[in-house]
Amino acid sequence: MVRPTACGPPVEGSPPGSIVEAHTARLSRDGPYRDPSAPERAKARAAVRLLLDRPDDRAAVDAAFGALGYPASAGTDPATGRPYRMFAMSPTEEPAWGLLLVDRSAPPSVVVEVPHPGFDTNTDKLGVAVHRLVPGAVLLVAGAHRAAQGGAADVAHNSGSMFHTLATAFAGRGLPQVQLHGFADRNLPEAQVVVSTGAGAPGRLARDLASGLEAGTGLVVRRAWDQRCGRLEGAGNEQGKAAAAVGAQFIHLELGWVIRRDPRQRAAVARALGRLLTA
């Protein structure tokens, strides 16, 4: 198996799941992070447009992300047999803007987001699992621990971040977002899952997802639009607010530790999400 280098970009052909796990393992509260400048945000939006409009123009897409400092790699995911494209930065060097993993077997269909890798434990693993089950899925993983640089790296609450820029560029083109979070079981002992739509009104995807998770996993799911869930509702999430502003679907999915710590529970949640996102 070819693995990422200790501090550099991923090696061409590396299994994407191992790259994501290695990325997360190297995150630190004391790690680097900075927000992009306005010109860098404009370049990022242009790179997303190229990815969506000219996905087969590998040279142009690679150059667009390369201009932002994202090294590109490609290969076939051994877990799925499907081709992928990845743009990944080192989490130990500034600017630490994370990674973008694109399934190339179908047109981009959904953005699976991991804003707090290394903090919301195992959400990166769940993100990879869902990505593998949905042809055309895009996996967006933040590049720094949420506490880095005094909390500036908490991308779910930072509208100036590269994560936010990329997420909103996809939302502006109509791609739904499913954002993965984690909570301590003691914070909501009567439920294992909270489904919300952040600042937006619940739509069919959110309602189907909540019902599908209940039916597919047997877990207790709380719907934030029907019951109060306190800080787990995601109402202040910046990507959710931006999605609501353009009418895009946004799902804020909170998962208890009882789920995230158990590989079988994570797999059941991933399967349920995969069925819903490919329906």
C-alpha atoms as a PDB file:
ATOM      1  CA  MET A   1       0.000   0.000   0.000  1.00  0.00           C
ATOM      2  CA  VAL A   2       1.328   3.430  -0.909  1.00  0.00           C
ATOM      3  CA  ARG A   3       0.852   5.921   1.906  1.00  0.00           C
ATOM      4  CA  PRO A   4       1.097   9.702   2.183  1.00  0.00           C
ATOM      5  CA  THR A   5       4.493  11.088   3.040  1.00  0.00           C
ATOM      6  CA  ALA A   6       5.001  12.297   6.592  1.00  0.00           C
ATOM      7  CA  CYS A   7       4.524  15.988   5.856  1.00  0.00           C
ATOM      8  CA  GLY A   8       3.919  16.280   2.151  1.00  0.00           C
ATOM      9  CA  PRO A   9       1.061  15.830  -0.290  1.00  0.00           C
ATOM     10  CA  PRO A  10      -0.545  12.458  -0.960  1.00  0.00           C
ATOM     11  CA  VAL A  11       1.311  10.117  -3.276  1.00  0.00           C
ATOM     12  CA  GLU A  12      -0.364   9.488  -6.636  1.00  0.00           C
ATOM     13  CA  GLY A  13      -2.577   6.420  -6.390  1.00  0.00           C
ATOM     14  CA  SER A  14      -2.745   6.272  -2.575  1.00  0.00           C
ATOM     15  CA  PRO A  15      -5.972   4.767  -1.157  1.00  0.00           C
ATOM     16  CA  PRO A  16      -8.113   7.797  -0.329  1.00  0.00           C
ATOM     17  CA  GLY A  17      -9.375   6.437   2.970  1.00  0.00           C
ATOM     18  CA  SER A  18      -5.834   6.088   4.294  1.00  0.00           C
ATOM     19  CA  ILE A  19      -5.050   9.656   3.218  1.00  0.00           C
ATOM     20  CA  VAL A  20      -8.052  11.035   5.104  1.00  0.00           C
ATOM     21  CA  GLU A  21      -7.199   9.062   8.248  1.00  0.00           C
ATOM     22  CA  ALA A  22      -3.544  10.143   8.093  1.00  0.00           C
ATOM     23  CA  HIS A  23      -4.660  13.737   7.625  1.00  0.00           C
ATOM     24  CA  THR A  24      -6.890  13.584  10.706  1.00  0.00           C
ATOM     25  CA  ALA A  25      -4.265  11.848  12.843  1.00  0.00           C
ATOM     26  CA  ARG A  26      -1.872  14.752  12.326  1.00  0.00           C
ATOM     27  CA  LEU A  27      -4.236  17.506  13.454  1.00  0.00           C
ATOM     28  CA  SER A  28      -3.397  19.437  16.599  1.00  0.00           C
ATOM     29  CA  ARG A  29      -4.922  22.215  18.655  1.00  0.00           C
ATOM     30  CA  ASP A  30      -1.582  23.982  18.230  1.00  0.00           C
ATOM     31  CA  GLY A  31      -1.505  23.437  14.484  1.00  0.00           C
ATOM     32  CA  PRO A  32      -1.372  26.085  11.775  1.00  0.00           C
ATOM     33  CA  TYR A  33      -4.303  27.733  10.047  1.00  0.00           C
ATOM     34  CA  ARG A  34      -5.148  30.953   8.234  1.00  0.00           C
ATOM     35  CA  ASP A  35      -8.169  32.230   6.337  1.00  0.00           C
ATOM     36  CA  PRO A  36      -7.858  32.777   2.595  1.00  0.00           C
ATOM     37  CA  SER A  37      -7.628  36.256   1.153  1.00  0.00           C
ATOM     38  CA  ALA A  38     -10.385  37.646  -1.047  1.00  0.00           C
ATOM     39  CA  PRO A  39      -8.413  36.810  -4.245  1.00  0.00           C
ATOM     40  CA  GLU A  40      -7.853  33.273  -2.957  1.00  0.00           C
ATOM     41  CA  ARG A  41     -11.558  32.851  -2.272  1.00  0.00           C
ATOM     42  CA  ALA A  42     -12.297  34.001  -5.822  1.00  0.00           C
ATOM     43  CA  LYS A  43      -9.809  31.447  -7.181  1.00  0.00           C
ATOM     44  CA  ALA A  44     -11.469  28.729  -5.103  1.00  0.00           C
ATOM     45  CA  ARG A  45     -14.903  29.525  -6.509  1.00  0.00           C
ATOM     46  CA  ALA A  46     -13.449  29.455 -10.019  1.00  0.00           C
ATOM     47  CA  ALA A  47     -11.833  26.074  -9.306  1.00  0.00           C
ATOM     48  CA  VAL A  48     -15.183  24.625  -8.212  1.00  0.00           C
ATOM     49  CA  ARG A  49     -16.818  25.963 -11.374  1.00  0.00           C
ATOM     50  CA  LEU A  50     -14.167  24.234 -13.476  1.00  0.00           C
ATOM     51  CA  LEU A  51     -14.597  21.005 -11.539  1.00  0.00           C
ATOM     52  CA  LEU A  52     -18.348  21.044 -12.179  1.00  0.00           C
ATOM     53  CA  ASP A  53     -18.348  22.377 -15.749  1.00  0.00           C
ATOM     54  CA  ARG A  54     -15.228  20.690 -17.152  1.00  0.00           C
ATOM     55  CA  PRO A  55     -14.649  17.636 -14.971  1.00  0.00           C
ATOM     56  CA  ASP A  56     -12.728  15.787 -17.674  1.00  0.00           C
ATOM     57  CA  ASP A  57     -10.273  18.631 -18.209  1.00  0.00           C
ATOM     58  CA  ARG A  58      -7.825  17.274 -15.675  1.00  0.00           C
ATOM     59  CA  ALA A  59      -5.058  19.723 -16.525  1.00  0.00           C
ATOM     60  CA  ALA A  60      -7.267  22.788 -16.089  1.00  0.00           C
ATOM     61  CA  VAL A  61      -8.868  21.565 -12.852  1.00  0.00           C
ATOM     62  CA  ASP A  62      -5.517  20.553 -11.382  1.00  0.00           C
ATOM     63  CA  ALA A  63      -4.042  23.919 -12.324  1.00  0.00           C
ATOM     64  CA  ALA A  64      -6.950  25.785 -10.714  1.00  0.00           C
ATOM     65  CA  PHE A  65      -6.596  23.962  -7.401  1.00  0.00           C
ATOM     66  CA  GLY A  66      -2.822  24.005  -7.707  1.00  0.00           C
ATOM     67  CA  ALA A  67      -2.930  27.803  -7.851  1.00  0.00           C
ATOM     68  CA  LEU A  68      -4.373  27.653  -4.339  1.00  0.00           C
ATOM     69  CA  GLY A  69      -1.649  25.295  -3.124  1.00  0.00           C
ATOM     70  CA  TYR A  70      -3.642  22.060  -3.363  1.00  0.00           C
ATOM     71  CA  PRO A  71      -1.516  19.186  -4.725  1.00  0.00           C
ATOM     72  CA  ALA A  72      -3.596  16.805  -6.855  1.00  0.00           C
ATOM     73  CA  SER A  73      -3.614  13.028  -6.887  1.00  0.00           C
ATOM     74  CA  ALA A  74      -5.759  10.429  -8.607  1.00  0.00           C
ATOM     75  CA  GLY A  75      -6.384   6.728  -8.633  1.00  0.00           C
ATOM     76  CA  THR A  76      -8.930   3.997  -8.074  1.00  0.00           C
ATOM     77  CA  ASP A  77     -10.346   3.482  -4.625  1.00  0.00           C
ATOM     78  CA  PRO A  78      -9.638  -0.185  -3.830  1.00  0.00           C
ATOM     79  CA  ALA A  79     -12.761  -0.288  -1.658  1.00  0.00           C
ATOM     80  CA  THR A  80     -15.094   0.617  -4.539  1.00  0.00           C
ATOM     81  CA  GLY A  81     -13.215   0.129  -7.788  1.00  0.00           C
ATOM     82  CA  ARG A  82     -14.250   3.664  -8.744  1.00  0.00           C
ATOM     83  CA  PRO A  83     -11.906   6.434  -9.885  1.00  0.00           C
ATOM     84  CA  TYR A  84     -11.277   9.407  -7.654  1.00  0.00           C
ATOM     85  CA  ARG A  85      -9.544  12.758  -7.733  1.00  0.00           C
ATOM     86  CA  MET A  86      -8.129  14.347  -4.598  1.00  0.00           C
ATOM     87  CA  PHE A  87      -6.843  17.788  -3.727  1.00  0.00           C
ATOM     88  CA  ALA A  88      -5.147  17.687  -0.322  1.00  0.00           C
ATOM     89  CA  MET A  89      -2.951  20.009   1.711  1.00  0.00           C
ATOM     90  CA  SER A  90      -0.663  19.120   4.582  1.00  0.00           C
ATOM     91  CA  PRO A  91      -2.315  19.755   7.961  1.00  0.00           C
ATOM     92  CA  THR A  92       1.053  20.607   9.497  1.00  0.00           C
ATOM     93  CA  GLU A  93       1.821  23.576   7.261  1.00  0.00           C
ATOM     94  CA  GLU A  94      -0.026  26.863   6.747  1.00  0.00           C
ATOM     95  CA  PRO A  95      -2.591  27.524   5.335  1.00  0.00           C
ATOM     96  CA  ALA A  96      -3.991  24.069   6.290  1.00  0.00           C
ATOM     97  CA  TRP A  97      -7.128  24.196   4.157  1.00  0.00           C
ATOM     98  CA  GLY A  98      -7.892  20.495   4.174  1.00  0.00           C
ATOM     99  CA  LEU A  99      -8.827  18.177   1.383  1.00  0.00           C
ATOM    100  CA  LEU A 100     -11.387  17.578  -1.302  1.00  0.00           C
ATOM    101  CA  LEU A 101     -12.062  14.016  -2.481  1.00  0.00           C
ATOM    102  CA  VAL A 102     -14.147  13.662  -5.643  1.00  0.00           C
ATOM    103  CA  ASP A 103     -15.668  10.385  -6.844  1.00  0.00           C
ATOM    104  CA  ARG A 104     -15.199  10.455 -10.623  1.00  0.00           C
ATOM    105  CA  SER A 105     -17.563   7.624 -11.543  1.00  0.00           C
ATOM    106  CA  ALA A 106     -20.556   9.985 -11.881  1.00  0.00           C
ATOM    107  CA  PRO A 107     -21.273  13.722 -12.004  1.00  0.00           C
ATOM    108  CA  PRO A 108     -20.969  15.438  -8.591  1.00  0.00           C
ATOM    109  CA  SER A 109     -24.168  14.730  -6.694  1.00  0.00           C
ATOM    110  CA  VAL A 110     -23.742  15.619  -3.006  1.00  0.00           C
ATOM    111  CA  VAL A 111     -21.142  17.191  -0.733  1.00  0.00           C
ATOM    112  CA  VAL A 112     -20.365  15.221   2.439  1.00  0.00           C
ATOM    113  CA  GLU A 113     -18.676  17.564   4.905  1.00  0.00           C
ATOM    114  CA  VAL A 114     -16.423  16.952   7.908  1.00  0.00           C
ATOM    115  CA  PRO A 115     -15.829  20.365   9.526  1.00  0.00           C
ATOM    116  CA  HIS A 116     -14.327  19.124  12.809  1.00  0.00           C
ATOM    117  CA  PRO A 117     -11.968  16.200  12.071  1.00  0.00           C
ATOM    118  CA  GLY A 118      -9.979  15.127  15.098  1.00  0.00           C
ATOM    119  CA  PHE A 119     -12.495  16.796  17.414  1.00  0.00           C
ATOM    120  CA  ASP A 120     -15.781  15.156  16.460  1.00  0.00           C
ATOM    121  CA  THR A 121     -14.123  11.767  16.672  1.00  0.00           C
ATOM    122  CA  ASN A 122     -14.550   9.379  13.733  1.00  0.00           C
ATOM    123  CA  THR A 123     -16.644  11.746  11.642  1.00  0.00           C
ATOM    124  CA  ASP A 124     -13.827  11.524   9.099  1.00  0.00           C
ATOM    125  CA  LYS A 125     -14.228   7.745   8.953  1.00  0.00           C
ATOM    126  CA  LEU A 126     -17.986   8.090   8.535  1.00  0.00           C
ATOM    127  CA  GLY A 127     -17.445  10.674   5.809  1.00  0.00           C
ATOM    128  CA  VAL A 128     -15.221   8.274   3.867  1.00  0.00           C
ATOM    129  CA  ALA A 129     -17.753   5.461   4.308  1.00  0.00           C
ATOM    130  CA  VAL A 130     -20.609   7.579   2.948  1.00  0.00           C
ATOM    131  CA  HIS A 131     -18.429   8.841   0.092  1.00  0.00           C
ATOM    132  CA  ARG A 132     -17.725   5.259  -0.937  1.00  0.00           C
ATOM    133  CA  LEU A 133     -21.430   4.439  -1.095  1.00  0.00           C
ATOM    134  CA  VAL A 134     -22.518   7.380  -3.253  1.00  0.00           C
ATOM    135  CA  PRO A 135     -21.253   7.640  -6.832  1.00  0.00           C
ATOM    136  CA  GLY A 136     -20.403  11.242  -7.595  1.00  0.00           C
ATOM    137  CA  ALA A 137     -20.015  12.187  -3.933  1.00  0.00           C
ATOM    138  CA  VAL A 138     -17.642  14.976  -2.968  1.00  0.00           C
ATOM    139  CA  LEU A 139     -15.987  14.705   0.457  1.00  0.00           C
ATOM    140  CA  LEU A 140     -14.849  17.996   1.996  1.00  0.00           C
ATOM    141  CA  VAL A 141     -12.672  17.714   5.117  1.00  0.00           C
ATOM    142  CA  ALA A 142     -11.389  20.687   7.109  1.00  0.00           C
ATOM    143  CA  GLY A 143      -7.643  21.108   7.324  1.00  0.00           C
ATOM    144  CA  ALA A 144      -7.131  22.032  10.963  1.00  0.00           C
ATOM    145  CA  HIS A 145      -8.365  21.177  14.440  1.00  0.00           C
ATOM    146  CA  ARG A 146     -11.309  23.410  15.291  1.00  0.00           C
ATOM    147  CA  ALA A 147      -9.402  24.929  18.234  1.00  0.00           C
ATOM    148  CA  ALA A 148      -6.376  25.903  16.141  1.00  0.00           C
ATOM    149  CA  GLN A 149      -5.406  29.568  16.003  1.00  0.00           C
ATOM    150  CA  GLY A 150      -7.677  30.503  18.854  1.00  0.00           C
ATOM    151  CA  GLY A 151     -10.719  28.881  17.266  1.00  0.00           C
ATOM    152  CA  ALA A 152     -10.382  30.569  13.865  1.00  0.00           C
ATOM    153  CA  ALA A 153     -10.170  27.072  12.378  1.00  0.00           C
ATOM    154  CA  ASP A 154     -13.710  26.235  13.507  1.00  0.00           C
ATOM    155  CA  VAL A 155     -14.886  26.357   9.916  1.00  0.00           C
ATOM    156  CA  ALA A 156     -18.532  25.624  10.703  1.00  0.00           C
ATOM    157  CA  HIS A 157     -18.623  29.037  12.367  1.00  0.00           C
ATOM    158  CA  ASN A 158     -16.174  30.910  10.151  1.00  0.00           C
ATOM    159  CA  SER A 159     -17.596  32.336   6.945  1.00  0.00           C
ATOM    160  CA  GLY A 160     -14.113  33.483   5.913  1.00  0.00           C
ATOM    161  CA  SER A 161     -12.647  29.990   5.760  1.00  0.00           C
ATOM    162  CA  MET A 162     -11.645  28.067   2.643  1.00  0.00           C
ATOM    163  CA  PHE A 163     -13.962  25.256   3.779  1.00  0.00           C
ATOM    164  CA  HIS A 164     -16.879  27.694   3.741  1.00  0.00           C
ATOM    165  CA  THR A 165     -15.845  29.099   0.376  1.00  0.00           C
ATOM    166  CA  LEU A 166     -15.749  25.669  -1.252  1.00  0.00           C
ATOM    167  CA  ALA A 167     -18.954  24.465   0.427  1.00  0.00           C
ATOM    168  CA  THR A 168     -20.912  27.526  -0.624  1.00  0.00           C
ATOM    169  CA  ALA A 169     -19.564  27.332  -4.173  1.00  0.00           C
ATOM    170  CA  PHE A 170     -21.031  23.842  -4.454  1.00  0.00           C
ATOM    171  CA  ALA A 171     -24.268  24.938  -2.782  1.00  0.00           C
ATOM    172  CA  GLY A 172     -24.566  27.786  -5.266  1.00  0.00           C
ATOM    173  CA  ARG A 173     -24.687  25.191  -8.009  1.00  0.00           C
ATOM    174  CA  GLY A 174     -27.455  23.273  -6.272  1.00  0.00           C
ATOM    175  CA  LEU A 175     -25.511  20.414  -4.688  1.00  0.00           C
ATOM    176  CA  PRO A 176     -27.003  19.304  -1.363  1.00  0.00           C
ATOM    177  CA  GLN A 177     -24.725  19.185   1.671  1.00  0.00           C
ATOM    178  CA  VAL A 178     -24.658  16.660   4.504  1.00  0.00           C
ATOM    179  CA  GLN A 179     -22.448  17.910   7.322  1.00  0.00           C
ATOM    180  CA  LEU A 180     -21.293  15.437   9.966  1.00  0.00           C
ATOM    181  CA  HIS A 181     -20.915  16.388  13.631  1.00  0.00           C
ATOM    182  CA  GLY A 182     -20.627  14.591  16.957  1.00  0.00           C
ATOM    183  CA  PHE A 183     -21.988  15.145  20.450  1.00  0.00           C
ATOM    184  CA  ALA A 184     -21.360  13.652  23.874  1.00  0.00           C
ATOM    185  CA  ASP A 185     -24.076  11.187  24.839  1.00  0.00           C
ATOM    186  CA  ARG A 186     -24.693  13.015  28.123  1.00  0.00           C
ATOM    187  CA  ASN A 187     -25.739  16.125  26.193  1.00  0.00           C
ATOM    188  CA  LEU A 188     -28.823  14.389  24.801  1.00  0.00           C
ATOM    189  CA  PRO A 189     -29.174  10.991  26.506  1.00  0.00           C
ATOM    190  CA  GLU A 190     -32.655  10.355  25.095  1.00  0.00           C
ATOM    191  CA  ALA A 191     -31.499  10.300  21.446  1.00  0.00           C
ATOM    192  CA  GLN A 192     -28.524   9.128  19.419  1.00  0.00           C
ATOM    193  CA  VAL A 193     -29.023  11.281  16.309  1.00  0.00           C
ATOM    194  CA  VAL A 194     -30.135  14.858  15.685  1.00  0.00           C
ATOM    195  CA  VAL A 195     -31.146  15.876  12.173  1.00  0.00           C
ATOM    196  CA  SER A 196     -31.516  19.569  11.453  1.00  0.00           C
ATOM    197  CA  THR A 197     -31.416  21.930   8.514  1.00  0.00           C
ATOM    198  CA  GLY A 198     -29.555  24.737  10.241  1.00  0.00           C
ATOM    199  CA  ALA A 199     -31.000  28.095   9.288  1.00  0.00           C
ATOM    200  CA  GLY A 200     -33.167  26.639   6.529  1.00  0.00           C
ATOM    201  CA  ALA A 201     -36.624  25.119   6.528  1.00  0.00           C
ATOM    202  CA  PRO A 202     -36.812  21.312   6.500  1.00  0.00           C
ATOM    203  CA  GLY A 203     -37.323  19.849   3.062  1.00  0.00           C
ATOM    204  CA  ARG A 204     -37.930  16.405   1.660  1.00  0.00           C
ATOM    205  CA  LEU A 205     -34.275  15.315   1.938  1.00  0.00           C
ATOM    206  CA  ALA A 206     -34.117  16.160   5.649  1.00  0.00           C
ATOM    207  CA  ARG A 207     -37.400  14.448   6.431  1.00  0.00           C
ATOM    208  CA  ASP A 208     -36.509  11.358   4.382  1.00  0.00           C
ATOM    209  CA  LEU A 209     -33.083  11.223   5.963  1.00  0.00           C
ATOM    210  CA  ALA A 210     -34.485  11.313   9.491  1.00  0.00           C
ATOM    211  CA  SER A 211     -37.049   8.612   8.708  1.00  0.00           C
ATOM    212  CA  GLY A 212     -34.518   6.518   6.814  1.00  0.00           C
ATOM    213  CA  LEU A 213     -32.020   6.615   9.654  1.00  0.00           C
ATOM    214  CA  GLU A 214     -34.692   5.474  12.101  1.00  0.00           C
ATOM    215  CA  ALA A 215     -35.848   2.646   9.849  1.00  0.00           C
ATOM    216  CA  GLY A 216     -32.377   1.615   8.740  1.00  0.00           C
ATOM    217  CA  THR A 217     -30.573   1.669  12.070  1.00  0.00           C
ATOM    218  CA  GLY A 218     -33.153   1.473  14.852  1.00  0.00           C
ATOM    219  CA  LEU A 219     -31.571   4.515  16.471  1.00  0.00           C
ATOM    220  CA  VAL A 220     -33.570   7.229  18.210  1.00  0.00           C
ATOM    221  CA  VAL A 221     -33.575  10.243  15.884  1.00  0.00           C
ATOM    222  CA  ARG A 222     -34.605  13.690  16.993  1.00  0.00           C
ATOM    223  CA  ARG A 223     -35.795  16.176  14.372  1.00  0.00           C
ATOM    224  CA  ALA A 224     -34.710  19.683  15.283  1.00  0.00           C
ATOM    225  CA  TRP A 225     -37.680  21.226  13.464  1.00  0.00           C
ATOM    226  CA  ASP A 226     -40.081  19.307  15.728  1.00  0.00           C
ATOM    227  CA  GLN A 227     -38.248  19.236  19.073  1.00  0.00           C
ATOM    228  CA  ARG A 228     -35.808  21.521  20.822  1.00  0.00           C
ATOM    229  CA  CYS A 229     -32.227  20.233  20.723  1.00  0.00           C
ATOM    230  CA  GLY A 230     -30.315  23.171  22.180  1.00  0.00           C
ATOM    231  CA  ARG A 231     -26.844  23.692  20.775  1.00  0.00           C
ATOM    232  CA  LEU A 232     -27.182  20.609  18.571  1.00  0.00           C
ATOM    233  CA  GLU A 233     -29.600  22.323  16.179  1.00  0.00           C
ATOM    234  CA  GLY A 234     -26.902  23.956  14.042  1.00  0.00           C
ATOM    235  CA  ALA A 235     -28.834  27.205  13.640  1.00  0.00           C
ATOM    236  CA  GLY A 236     -25.611  29.222  13.727  1.00  0.00           C
ATOM    237  CA  ASN A 237     -23.777  27.060  11.214  1.00  0.00           C
ATOM    238  CA  GLU A 238     -22.331  29.320   8.512  1.00  0.00           C
ATOM    239  CA  GLN A 239     -22.630  26.802   5.689  1.00  0.00           C
ATOM    240  CA  GLY A 240     -26.252  26.220   6.653  1.00  0.00           C
ATOM    241  CA  LYS A 241     -27.001  29.941   6.594  1.00  0.00           C
ATOM    242  CA  ALA A 242     -25.354  30.333   3.194  1.00  0.00           C
ATOM    243  CA  ALA A 243     -27.251  27.341   1.792  1.00  0.00           C
ATOM    244  CA  ALA A 244     -30.561  28.735   3.054  1.00  0.00           C
ATOM    245  CA  ALA A 245     -29.796  32.041   1.342  1.00  0.00           C
ATOM    246  CA  VAL A 246     -29.524  30.354  -2.078  1.00  0.00           C
ATOM    247  CA  GLY A 247     -32.230  27.735  -1.534  1.00  0.00           C
ATOM    248  CA  ALA A 248     -29.836  24.768  -1.412  1.00  0.00           C
ATOM    249  CA  GLN A 249     -30.433  21.723   0.770  1.00  0.00           C
ATOM    250  CA  PHE A 250     -28.290  21.510   3.896  1.00  0.00           C
ATOM    251  CA  ILE A 251     -28.367  18.746   6.502  1.00  0.00           C
ATOM    252  CA  HIS A 252     -26.670  19.206   9.873  1.00  0.00           C
ATOM    253  CA  LEU A 253     -26.282  15.681  11.247  1.00  0.00           C
ATOM    254  CA  GLU A 254     -25.259  15.226  14.884  1.00  0.00           C
ATOM    255  CA  LEU A 255     -24.244  11.742  15.999  1.00  0.00           C
ATOM    256  CA  GLY A 256     -23.733  10.587  19.576  1.00  0.00           C
ATOM    257  CA  TRP A 257     -20.520   8.974  20.740  1.00  0.00           C
ATOM    258  CA  VAL A 258     -22.338   5.664  21.199  1.00  0.00           C
ATOM    259  CA  ILE A 259     -22.604   5.562  17.379  1.00  0.00           C
ATOM    260  CA  ARG A 260     -19.259   7.052  16.413  1.00  0.00           C
ATOM    261  CA  ARG A 261     -17.197   4.751  18.626  1.00  0.00           C
ATOM    262  CA  ASP A 262     -18.746   1.553  17.206  1.00  0.00           C
ATOM    263  CA  PRO A 263     -17.654   0.482  13.687  1.00  0.00           C
ATOM    264  CA  ARG A 264     -20.868  -1.504  13.218  1.00  0.00           C
ATOM    265  CA  GLN A 265     -23.045   1.453  14.173  1.00  0.00           C
ATOM    266  CA  ARG A 266     -21.070   3.766  11.885  1.00  0.00           C
ATOM    267  CA  ALA A 267     -21.449   1.291   9.042  1.00  0.00           C
ATOM    268  CA  ALA A 268     -25.206   1.088   9.609  1.00  0.00           C
ATOM    269  CA  VAL A 269     -25.505   4.881   9.545  1.00  0.00           C
ATOM    270  CA  ALA A 270     -23.359   5.050   6.406  1.00  0.00           C
ATOM    271  CA  ARG A 271     -25.513   2.460   4.646  1.00  0.00           C
ATOM    272  CA  ALA A 272     -28.684   4.322   5.551  1.00  0.00           C
ATOM    273  CA  LEU A 273     -27.221   7.598   4.285  1.00  0.00           C
ATOM    274  CA  GLY A 274     -25.935   5.930   1.148  1.00  0.00           C
ATOM    275  CA  ARG A 275     -29.384   4.545   0.315  1.00  0.00           C
ATOM    276  CA  LEU A 276     -31.013   7.928   0.835  1.00  0.00           C
ATOM    277  CA  LEU A 277     -28.438   9.895  -1.134  1.00  0.00           C
ATOM    278  CA  THR A 278     -28.594   7.577  -4.130  1.00  0.00           C
ATOM    279  CA  ALA A 279     -32.387   7.221  -4.206  1.00  0.00           C
END
